[in-house]
Amino acid sequence: MIFTGSVVIDRNDTSGLCKPAKECLIAVYTGDGNTPDGHRETQNLAYSLDDGRNWKKYEKNPVLDLHLADFRDPSVSWDEDRHGWIMAVSLPKEHKVSFYRSQDLKQWVHASDFGPAGDTDGVWECPDLLRVPSEGRHASLWALKVGLNPGAPQGGSGEQYFLGEFDGTSFKLSEEEGAHGWTNYGKDDYCAISFNGIPAGGQPILLGWMSNWDYASRLPTSPWRGQMSLARKLSLVRDESGLALAQDPVIDPLRETAVPLQLDASSRNDGTAARLSPPYELDFEAVRPTTNSFGVRIYYDDQHWTEIGFDKAKNEFYIDRTRSGETSIPGFAAKTTAPVVPGRPYNAKLIVDQSSVEAFAQNGTIAMTTLLYPPTTSNRIVFFPSGLETAQVHAHLWNLASIWQDADREQGAKNR
């Protein structure tokens, strides 16, 4: 079987596999299967000479074999500073990420290991090493993202990150507060992978798998099961509370019309701000909140809703989907929480789709991705506690375009 890996553009044909072209796509992936010596996982190559439409496996696979049953998920990228390839690959049961270097993607030399560190309650998978730019005069840092399954704080699978320095050979964790954290506090973001080919100095972009191994095989969808998260750009935050990895969803190109919000005295009876159908974006910020708990409820009918908010007494941001609709899937009904840093603003960006909510709170330093199966696509947005005034909360709402509409139009044009 072919397991997780990554694809690079071999711009200078360092592999020798691109001929007659000067560049081609190379996939570096884990091969998983049984051998006469037992179960094995190895790292392998495949290449495409036609922009990914067709692939051919490298005839001398595997290119990296430690004769191990658990050795997987290579993340490969070009190291511009040292003009070579770098691989981060997981030793899952040892709770380590191994780094390898290569000049041609075929011959790999071990450079170093990182770990065990952080959380080790489950196996380590899907590592990714990313240079993250910092604002102002501060130097960029490297983020090492590692999947954990099970053992995430919200239950089941999740992903942690480490911030530090990478010298081309080894990764050293920063000693600053906040150098270890979680990329997502929701139940449904795992094994996120970054885009290769981002311009030098640009923000890395992650794309995650929107599910959880606790119940991935039992989700009530048809004819497909599983979906991807929003792509989100990464940046580094340094403030009085320490370090943090911030995430900003790539959503602006889908914004269509702004939706008026009626958050004033006329709506105090039930706090209703708007009625609409997904997809949409809701941004809100509580200014000097005086209540311990505040946020929004998304009602689907009188008996079903999702609650998203802040709890100042517990210093938590949360999404509660326990009454969101179909919650009988074992392990699905949940209230997920993330620690709030009091010195950061009480704001949140919510991207609401027909079967998901992705939240980015406290300037994106908290991300929380949650699947939902509501009984209807009709949404009524209600701020709480009732009686919130415009002086206490600033909010903006946009309808979002469907990516499927664009795809359908393009396909229709081709058919004509």
Protein backbone atom coordinates (compact mmCIF):
# COMPACT_ATOMS: atom_id res chain seq x y z
CA MET A 1 0.00 0.00 0.00
CA ILE A 2 1.00 3.61 -0.54
CA PHE A 3 0.89 5.66 2.66
CA THR A 4 1.38 9.38 3.33
CA GLY A 5 4.22 11.27 1.66
CA SER A 6 4.92 14.47 -0.21
CA VAL A 7 5.53 15.73 -3.73
CA VAL A 8 8.35 18.05 -4.81
CA ILE A 9 9.27 19.79 -8.06
CA ASP A 10 12.72 18.58 -9.07
CA ARG A 11 13.55 21.83 -10.85
CA ASN A 12 17.11 20.93 -11.85
CA ASP A 13 16.63 17.20 -12.43
CA THR A 14 18.76 16.34 -9.42
CA SER A 15 17.22 12.85 -9.50
CA GLY A 16 18.01 12.15 -13.13
CA LEU A 17 14.42 10.96 -13.52
CA CYS A 18 13.10 14.02 -15.36
CA LYS A 19 14.76 13.48 -18.76
CA PRO A 20 14.09 14.60 -21.41
CA ALA A 21 12.52 17.48 -19.42
CA LYS A 22 14.62 19.71 -17.17
CA GLU A 23 12.18 19.37 -14.27
CA CYS A 24 9.43 17.02 -13.13
CA LEU A 25 7.35 16.01 -10.13
CA ILE A 26 8.76 13.51 -7.67
CA ALA A 27 6.56 11.82 -5.07
CA VAL A 28 8.29 10.52 -1.96
CA TYR A 29 5.98 8.14 -0.13
CA THR A 30 5.83 5.29 2.35
CA GLY A 31 5.37 1.79 1.00
CA ASP A 32 3.62 -0.48 3.50
CA GLY A 33 3.33 -4.25 3.17
CA ASN A 34 4.40 -7.74 4.12
CA THR A 35 7.76 -9.22 3.15
CA PRO A 36 9.34 -12.65 3.78
CA ASP A 37 10.94 -11.01 6.82
CA GLY A 38 7.68 -9.58 8.18
CA HIS A 39 5.74 -6.35 7.93
CA ARG A 40 7.81 -3.42 6.64
CA GLU A 41 7.50 0.30 5.93
CA THR A 42 9.97 1.89 3.51
CA GLN A 43 10.40 5.19 1.68
CA ASN A 44 9.95 5.14 -2.09
CA LEU A 45 9.86 7.36 -5.19
CA ALA A 46 7.50 7.82 -8.09
CA TYR A 47 7.85 10.42 -10.82
CA SER A 48 5.63 12.22 -13.30
CA LEU A 49 6.71 13.84 -16.56
CA ASP A 50 3.26 15.27 -17.39
CA ASP A 51 2.38 17.51 -14.41
CA GLY A 52 1.05 14.70 -12.25
CA ARG A 53 -1.37 13.10 -14.70
CA ASN A 54 0.59 9.84 -14.87
CA TRP A 55 3.11 8.36 -12.47
CA LYS A 56 5.79 5.73 -12.68
CA LYS A 57 7.42 4.09 -9.70
CA TYR A 58 11.19 4.28 -9.47
CA GLU A 59 12.53 0.88 -10.51
CA LYS A 60 15.10 0.75 -7.67
CA ASN A 61 12.66 1.37 -4.81
CA PRO A 62 12.92 1.56 -1.86
CA VAL A 63 15.31 4.46 -1.47
CA LEU A 64 15.30 4.28 2.34
CA ASP A 65 14.80 1.05 4.28
CA LEU A 66 15.56 0.61 7.98
CA HIS A 67 13.88 -2.85 8.03
CA LEU A 68 11.23 -1.54 10.41
CA ALA A 69 7.51 -2.22 10.67
CA ASP A 70 6.82 1.43 11.66
CA PHE A 71 8.75 4.04 9.71
CA ARG A 72 6.56 6.40 7.69
CA ASP A 73 5.23 9.68 6.30
CA PRO A 74 8.22 11.43 4.66
CA SER A 75 7.97 15.20 4.29
CA VAL A 76 10.54 16.33 1.73
CA SER A 77 11.46 19.87 0.73
CA TRP A 78 14.31 21.77 -0.88
CA ASP A 79 16.78 23.43 1.49
CA GLU A 80 17.69 26.60 -0.37
CA ASP A 81 20.38 27.60 2.13
CA ARG A 82 22.33 24.36 1.68
CA HIS A 83 21.24 23.37 -1.83
CA GLY A 84 19.97 19.93 -1.00
CA TRP A 85 16.89 17.96 -0.07
CA ILE A 86 15.76 17.49 3.51
CA MET A 87 13.40 14.77 4.73
CA ALA A 88 11.51 14.62 8.02
CA VAL A 89 10.14 11.11 8.59
CA SER A 90 8.53 9.49 11.61
CA LEU A 91 9.64 6.68 13.89
CA PRO A 92 6.10 6.35 15.31
CA LYS A 93 6.56 4.08 18.31
CA GLU A 94 9.85 5.66 19.35
CA HIS A 95 8.22 9.13 19.34
CA LYS A 96 10.96 10.50 17.14
CA VAL A 97 11.28 12.45 13.92
CA SER A 98 14.35 11.51 11.88
CA PHE A 99 16.00 13.97 9.51
CA TYR A 100 17.77 12.83 6.36
CA ARG A 101 19.63 14.74 3.65
CA SER A 102 20.08 14.00 -0.04
CA GLN A 103 21.44 15.56 -3.21
CA ASP A 104 19.45 13.42 -5.65
CA LEU A 105 16.34 12.13 -3.78
CA LYS A 106 17.72 8.60 -4.18
CA GLN A 107 20.57 8.38 -1.69
CA TRP A 108 19.66 9.53 1.81
CA VAL A 109 22.04 10.16 4.71
CA HIS A 110 20.81 10.27 8.31
CA ALA A 111 21.37 13.70 9.87
CA SER A 112 19.73 13.59 13.33
CA ASP A 113 16.70 12.65 15.41
CA PHE A 114 14.33 14.80 17.44
CA GLY A 115 12.36 13.38 20.37
CA PRO A 116 10.83 12.05 22.45
CA ALA A 117 9.36 15.41 23.49
CA GLY A 118 6.01 17.02 24.13
CA ASP A 119 3.11 14.55 24.16
CA THR A 120 3.87 10.87 23.62
CA ASP A 121 0.62 9.13 24.58
CA GLY A 122 0.12 7.86 21.03
CA VAL A 123 2.23 7.12 17.97
CA TRP A 124 3.95 9.99 16.13
CA GLU A 125 2.97 10.40 12.47
CA CYS A 126 2.91 12.91 9.59
CA PRO A 127 5.83 15.18 10.54
CA ASP A 128 6.40 18.43 8.66
CA LEU A 129 9.28 20.89 9.01
CA LEU A 130 8.41 24.48 8.11
CA ARG A 131 10.25 27.79 8.25
CA VAL A 132 7.76 30.30 9.69
CA PRO A 133 8.35 34.04 9.20
CA SER A 134 8.02 36.39 12.15
CA GLU A 135 6.61 39.90 12.23
CA GLY A 136 8.80 42.92 12.87
CA ARG A 137 12.50 42.57 13.59
CA HIS A 138 12.33 39.08 15.02
CA ALA A 139 14.02 36.30 13.09
CA SER A 140 11.97 33.48 11.66
CA LEU A 141 11.76 30.17 13.48
CA TRP A 142 11.17 26.63 12.34
CA ALA A 143 8.01 24.74 13.22
CA LEU A 144 8.11 20.96 13.48
CA LYS A 145 4.55 19.63 13.27
CA VAL A 146 3.88 16.05 14.44
CA GLY A 147 0.67 14.03 14.43
CA LEU A 148 -0.32 12.10 17.55
CA ASN A 149 -2.74 9.17 17.45
CA PRO A 150 -4.36 8.55 19.86
CA GLY A 151 -3.72 10.77 22.88
CA ALA A 152 -4.63 14.25 21.63
CA PRO A 153 -6.11 16.52 24.33
CA GLN A 154 -9.52 16.49 22.61
CA GLY A 155 -9.49 12.69 22.23
CA GLY A 156 -8.30 10.49 19.40
CA SER A 157 -5.95 11.95 16.80
CA GLY A 158 -4.49 15.46 16.79
CA GLU A 159 -1.33 17.39 16.01
CA GLN A 160 1.24 19.17 18.12
CA TYR A 161 3.96 21.60 17.09
CA PHE A 162 7.42 22.49 18.30
CA LEU A 163 9.05 25.87 17.59
CA GLY A 164 12.81 26.21 17.43
CA GLU A 165 15.92 26.36 15.28
CA PHE A 166 16.99 24.09 12.42
CA ASP A 167 20.58 24.31 11.20
CA GLY A 168 20.18 21.98 8.24
CA THR A 169 21.09 18.96 10.31
CA SER A 170 19.22 19.03 13.61
CA PHE A 171 16.20 20.71 15.20
CA LYS A 172 16.57 22.39 18.59
CA LEU A 173 13.46 23.30 20.57
CA SER A 174 13.23 26.91 21.72
CA GLU A 175 13.28 27.56 25.46
CA GLU A 176 10.73 30.37 25.13
CA GLU A 177 7.26 29.99 26.64
CA GLY A 178 4.81 28.61 24.10
CA ALA A 179 7.38 26.73 22.00
CA HIS A 180 5.26 23.58 22.29
CA GLY A 181 1.55 23.69 21.40
CA TRP A 182 -1.25 22.19 19.32
CA THR A 183 -2.01 23.09 15.73
CA ASN A 184 -5.69 22.33 16.28
CA TYR A 185 -7.85 21.86 19.37
CA GLY A 186 -10.84 20.48 17.49
CA LYS A 187 -11.65 16.82 17.01
CA ASP A 188 -11.27 16.95 13.24
CA ASP A 189 -7.93 18.05 11.91
CA TYR A 190 -5.17 15.50 11.43
CA CYS A 191 -2.12 14.79 9.30
CA ALA A 192 -1.97 18.28 7.82
CA ILE A 193 0.52 18.60 4.98
CA SER A 194 2.19 21.76 3.69
CA PHE A 195 2.34 22.97 0.10
CA ASN A 196 5.75 22.71 -1.54
CA GLY A 197 6.97 25.46 -3.88
CA ILE A 198 6.00 28.46 -1.73
CA PRO A 199 8.22 31.44 -2.71
CA ALA A 200 11.25 31.93 -0.48
CA GLY A 201 10.32 33.86 2.65
CA GLY A 202 6.60 33.26 2.14
CA GLN A 203 4.18 31.94 4.71
CA PRO A 204 3.86 28.15 4.83
CA ILE A 205 0.38 26.82 3.97
CA LEU A 206 -1.11 23.74 5.65
CA LEU A 207 -4.02 21.58 4.51
CA GLY A 208 -5.45 19.02 6.93
CA TRP A 209 -7.59 15.90 6.87
CA MET A 210 -10.91 16.82 8.51
CA SER A 211 -11.63 13.73 10.57
CA ASN A 212 -10.54 11.71 13.59
CA TRP A 213 -9.40 8.10 13.76
CA ASP A 214 -11.83 7.64 16.68
CA TYR A 215 -14.75 7.49 14.22
CA ALA A 216 -13.47 8.10 10.66
CA SER A 217 -14.89 4.81 9.34
CA ARG A 218 -18.35 5.43 10.84
CA LEU A 219 -19.22 8.92 9.56
CA PRO A 220 -22.72 9.02 8.02
CA THR A 221 -21.84 10.42 4.59
CA SER A 222 -22.47 9.10 1.09
CA PRO A 223 -21.23 8.56 -1.60
CA TRP A 224 -17.92 9.72 -0.10
CA ARG A 225 -16.42 9.74 3.39
CA GLY A 226 -13.83 12.30 4.43
CA GLN A 227 -12.97 15.86 3.46
CA MET A 228 -10.13 18.34 3.75
CA SER A 229 -9.85 21.40 5.96
CA LEU A 230 -9.39 24.92 4.71
CA ALA A 231 -5.89 25.83 3.65
CA ARG A 232 -4.36 28.19 6.19
CA LYS A 233 -1.25 30.36 6.21
CA LEU A 234 1.12 30.11 9.18
CA SER A 235 2.89 32.92 10.99
CA LEU A 236 4.77 33.34 14.24
CA VAL A 237 3.48 35.40 17.15
CA ARG A 238 5.80 36.78 19.82
CA ASP A 239 4.17 38.77 22.60
CA GLU A 240 4.25 39.18 26.37
CA SER A 241 2.73 35.71 26.74
CA GLY A 242 5.48 34.05 24.71
CA LEU A 243 5.51 32.26 21.37
CA ALA A 244 2.59 30.92 19.38
CA LEU A 245 1.92 29.55 15.93
CA ALA A 246 -0.88 31.55 14.28
CA GLN A 247 -3.08 30.28 11.44
CA ASP A 248 -5.04 32.38 8.97
CA PRO A 249 -7.51 30.57 6.68
CA VAL A 250 -7.23 31.34 2.98
CA ILE A 251 -10.83 32.45 2.61
CA ASP A 252 -10.87 36.05 1.31
CA PRO A 253 -11.20 35.05 -2.39
CA LEU A 254 -14.51 33.31 -1.57
CA ARG A 255 -16.13 36.32 0.11
CA GLU A 256 -19.19 37.52 -1.78
CA THR A 257 -21.64 39.87 -0.08
CA ALA A 258 -21.56 41.31 3.41
CA VAL A 259 -24.64 40.38 5.45
CA PRO A 260 -26.15 43.04 7.74
CA LEU A 261 -26.04 42.17 11.44
CA GLN A 262 -28.78 43.39 13.77
CA LEU A 263 -27.00 43.34 17.09
CA ASP A 264 -28.76 46.14 18.92
CA ALA A 265 -31.66 46.87 21.23
CA SER A 266 -34.22 45.64 18.70
CA SER A 267 -32.77 42.12 18.86
CA ARG A 268 -32.35 41.82 22.63
CA ASN A 269 -35.26 39.44 23.04
CA ASP A 270 -33.39 36.52 21.57
CA GLY A 271 -30.04 37.96 20.47
CA THR A 272 -30.65 36.95 16.85
CA ALA A 273 -28.17 38.58 14.50
CA ALA A 274 -28.93 36.91 11.16
CA ARG A 275 -30.57 34.00 9.37
CA LEU A 276 -28.78 32.42 6.42
CA SER A 277 -27.45 29.19 4.95
CA PRO A 278 -23.83 28.02 4.71
CA PRO A 279 -21.22 28.63 3.58
CA TYR A 280 -20.46 31.88 5.40
CA GLU A 281 -17.82 33.61 7.50
CA LEU A 282 -18.57 35.22 10.86
CA ASP A 283 -15.90 37.31 12.60
CA PHE A 284 -16.54 38.71 16.07
CA GLU A 285 -14.61 40.32 18.89
CA ALA A 286 -15.79 41.02 22.42
CA VAL A 287 -14.49 44.36 23.66
CA ARG A 288 -13.85 44.44 27.41
CA PRO A 289 -16.29 41.60 28.08
CA THR A 290 -17.97 41.83 31.48
CA THR A 291 -19.59 38.39 31.50
CA ASN A 292 -17.80 35.12 32.14
CA SER A 293 -19.26 33.37 29.10
CA PHE A 294 -20.02 34.89 25.70
CA GLY A 295 -20.11 33.91 22.05
CA VAL A 296 -22.57 32.64 19.44
CA ARG A 297 -25.00 29.81 18.99
CA ILE A 298 -25.78 28.54 15.52
CA TYR A 299 -29.35 27.21 15.64
CA TYR A 300 -30.57 24.71 13.04
CA ASP A 301 -33.99 24.39 14.70
CA ASP A 302 -35.27 24.86 18.25
CA GLN A 303 -33.71 21.60 19.47
CA HIS A 304 -30.36 21.61 17.66
CA TRP A 305 -27.49 24.07 17.79
CA THR A 306 -23.71 24.46 17.98
CA GLU A 307 -22.26 26.81 20.58
CA ILE A 308 -18.93 28.61 20.08
CA GLY A 309 -17.58 30.93 22.71
CA PHE A 310 -15.21 32.02 25.43
CA ASP A 311 -15.36 31.06 29.11
CA LYS A 312 -13.37 33.67 31.05
CA ALA A 313 -13.77 31.85 34.36
CA LYS A 314 -12.03 28.76 32.94
CA ASN A 315 -9.80 30.68 30.50
CA GLU A 316 -11.13 28.56 27.63
CA PHE A 317 -12.31 28.90 24.06
CA TYR A 318 -14.71 26.12 23.09
CA ILE A 319 -16.99 24.55 20.51
CA ASP A 320 -19.87 22.47 21.86
CA ARG A 321 -21.48 20.18 19.26
CA THR A 322 -23.28 17.89 21.69
CA ARG A 323 -26.67 19.16 20.43
CA SER A 324 -25.72 19.82 16.82
CA GLY A 325 -27.72 17.03 15.19
CA GLU A 326 -26.42 13.53 14.43
CA THR A 327 -24.20 12.80 17.45
CA SER A 328 -24.85 9.09 18.01
CA ILE A 329 -21.52 8.13 16.38
CA PRO A 330 -19.34 6.71 19.19
CA GLY A 331 -16.89 9.37 20.34
CA PHE A 332 -18.49 12.13 18.25
CA ALA A 333 -20.57 14.14 20.74
CA ALA A 334 -18.06 16.48 22.33
CA LYS A 335 -17.26 19.89 23.71
CA THR A 336 -13.69 20.74 22.71
CA THR A 337 -11.72 23.39 24.54
CA ALA A 338 -8.49 25.35 24.14
CA PRO A 339 -6.61 27.41 26.71
CA VAL A 340 -7.09 31.17 26.33
CA VAL A 341 -4.22 33.58 26.87
CA PRO A 342 -5.69 36.54 28.80
CA GLY A 343 -3.36 39.07 27.17
CA ARG A 344 -4.63 38.27 23.68
CA PRO A 345 -7.92 39.57 22.22
CA TYR A 346 -11.22 37.73 22.62
CA ASN A 347 -11.87 37.39 18.90
CA ALA A 348 -12.78 34.57 16.55
CA LYS A 349 -13.09 33.95 12.84
CA LEU A 350 -15.66 31.23 12.07
CA ILE A 351 -15.94 29.54 8.70
CA VAL A 352 -19.27 27.69 8.67
CA ASP A 353 -20.02 25.09 6.01
CA GLN A 354 -22.91 22.64 5.71
CA SER A 355 -21.13 20.00 7.80
CA SER A 356 -18.28 21.80 9.56
CA VAL A 357 -17.15 24.79 11.58
CA GLU A 358 -13.54 25.94 11.52
CA ALA A 359 -12.69 28.50 14.18
CA PHE A 360 -9.58 30.66 14.51
CA ALA A 361 -9.53 32.50 17.83
CA GLN A 362 -7.22 34.98 19.56
CA ASN A 363 -5.73 36.24 16.29
CA GLY A 364 -5.43 32.71 14.96
CA THR A 365 -3.27 31.36 17.80
CA ILE A 366 -6.12 28.93 18.53
CA ALA A 367 -7.49 26.77 15.71
CA MET A 368 -10.44 24.43 16.22
CA THR A 369 -11.94 22.31 13.42
CA THR A 370 -15.22 20.50 14.03
CA LEU A 371 -17.41 18.27 11.87
CA LEU A 372 -21.19 18.65 12.21
CA TYR A 373 -24.22 16.78 10.89
CA PRO A 374 -27.15 19.17 11.51
CA PRO A 375 -30.76 18.34 10.56
CA THR A 376 -31.11 21.35 8.23
CA THR A 377 -28.98 23.82 6.31
CA SER A 378 -30.94 26.76 7.70
CA ASN A 379 -28.87 28.68 10.28
CA ARG A 380 -29.95 31.26 12.84
CA ILE A 381 -27.03 33.07 14.49
CA VAL A 382 -27.67 34.08 18.09
CA PHE A 383 -25.16 35.96 20.24
CA PHE A 384 -25.13 35.29 23.97
CA PRO A 385 -25.65 36.39 26.63
CA SER A 386 -28.82 38.10 25.38
CA GLY A 387 -28.65 41.88 25.43
CA LEU A 388 -25.14 42.18 24.01
CA GLU A 389 -24.77 45.64 22.49
CA THR A 390 -22.66 46.86 19.61
CA ALA A 391 -20.39 48.58 22.12
CA GLN A 392 -19.53 45.17 23.59
CA VAL A 393 -19.03 43.11 20.44
CA HIS A 394 -17.86 43.92 16.94
CA ALA A 395 -19.02 41.46 14.30
CA HIS A 396 -18.90 41.02 10.53
CA LEU A 397 -20.64 38.43 8.37
CA TRP A 398 -20.07 37.43 4.75
CA ASN A 399 -21.68 34.98 2.38
CA LEU A 400 -19.05 32.75 0.81
CA ALA A 401 -19.01 31.42 -2.72
CA SER A 402 -19.14 27.67 -3.22
CA ILE A 403 -16.01 26.16 -4.75
CA TRP A 404 -18.31 23.61 -6.41
CA GLN A 405 -20.14 26.30 -8.36
CA ASP A 406 -16.90 27.40 -9.99
CA ALA A 407 -15.98 23.81 -10.76
CA ASP A 408 -19.41 23.15 -12.27
CA ARG A 409 -19.21 26.25 -14.45
CA GLU A 410 -15.75 25.29 -15.69
CA GLN A 411 -16.90 21.77 -16.49
CA GLY A 412 -19.98 23.10 -18.26
CA ALA A 413 -17.84 25.41 -20.39
CA LYS A 414 -15.60 22.49 -21.35
CA ASN A 415 -18.60 20.37 -22.30
CA ARG A 416 -19.92 23.13 -24.56
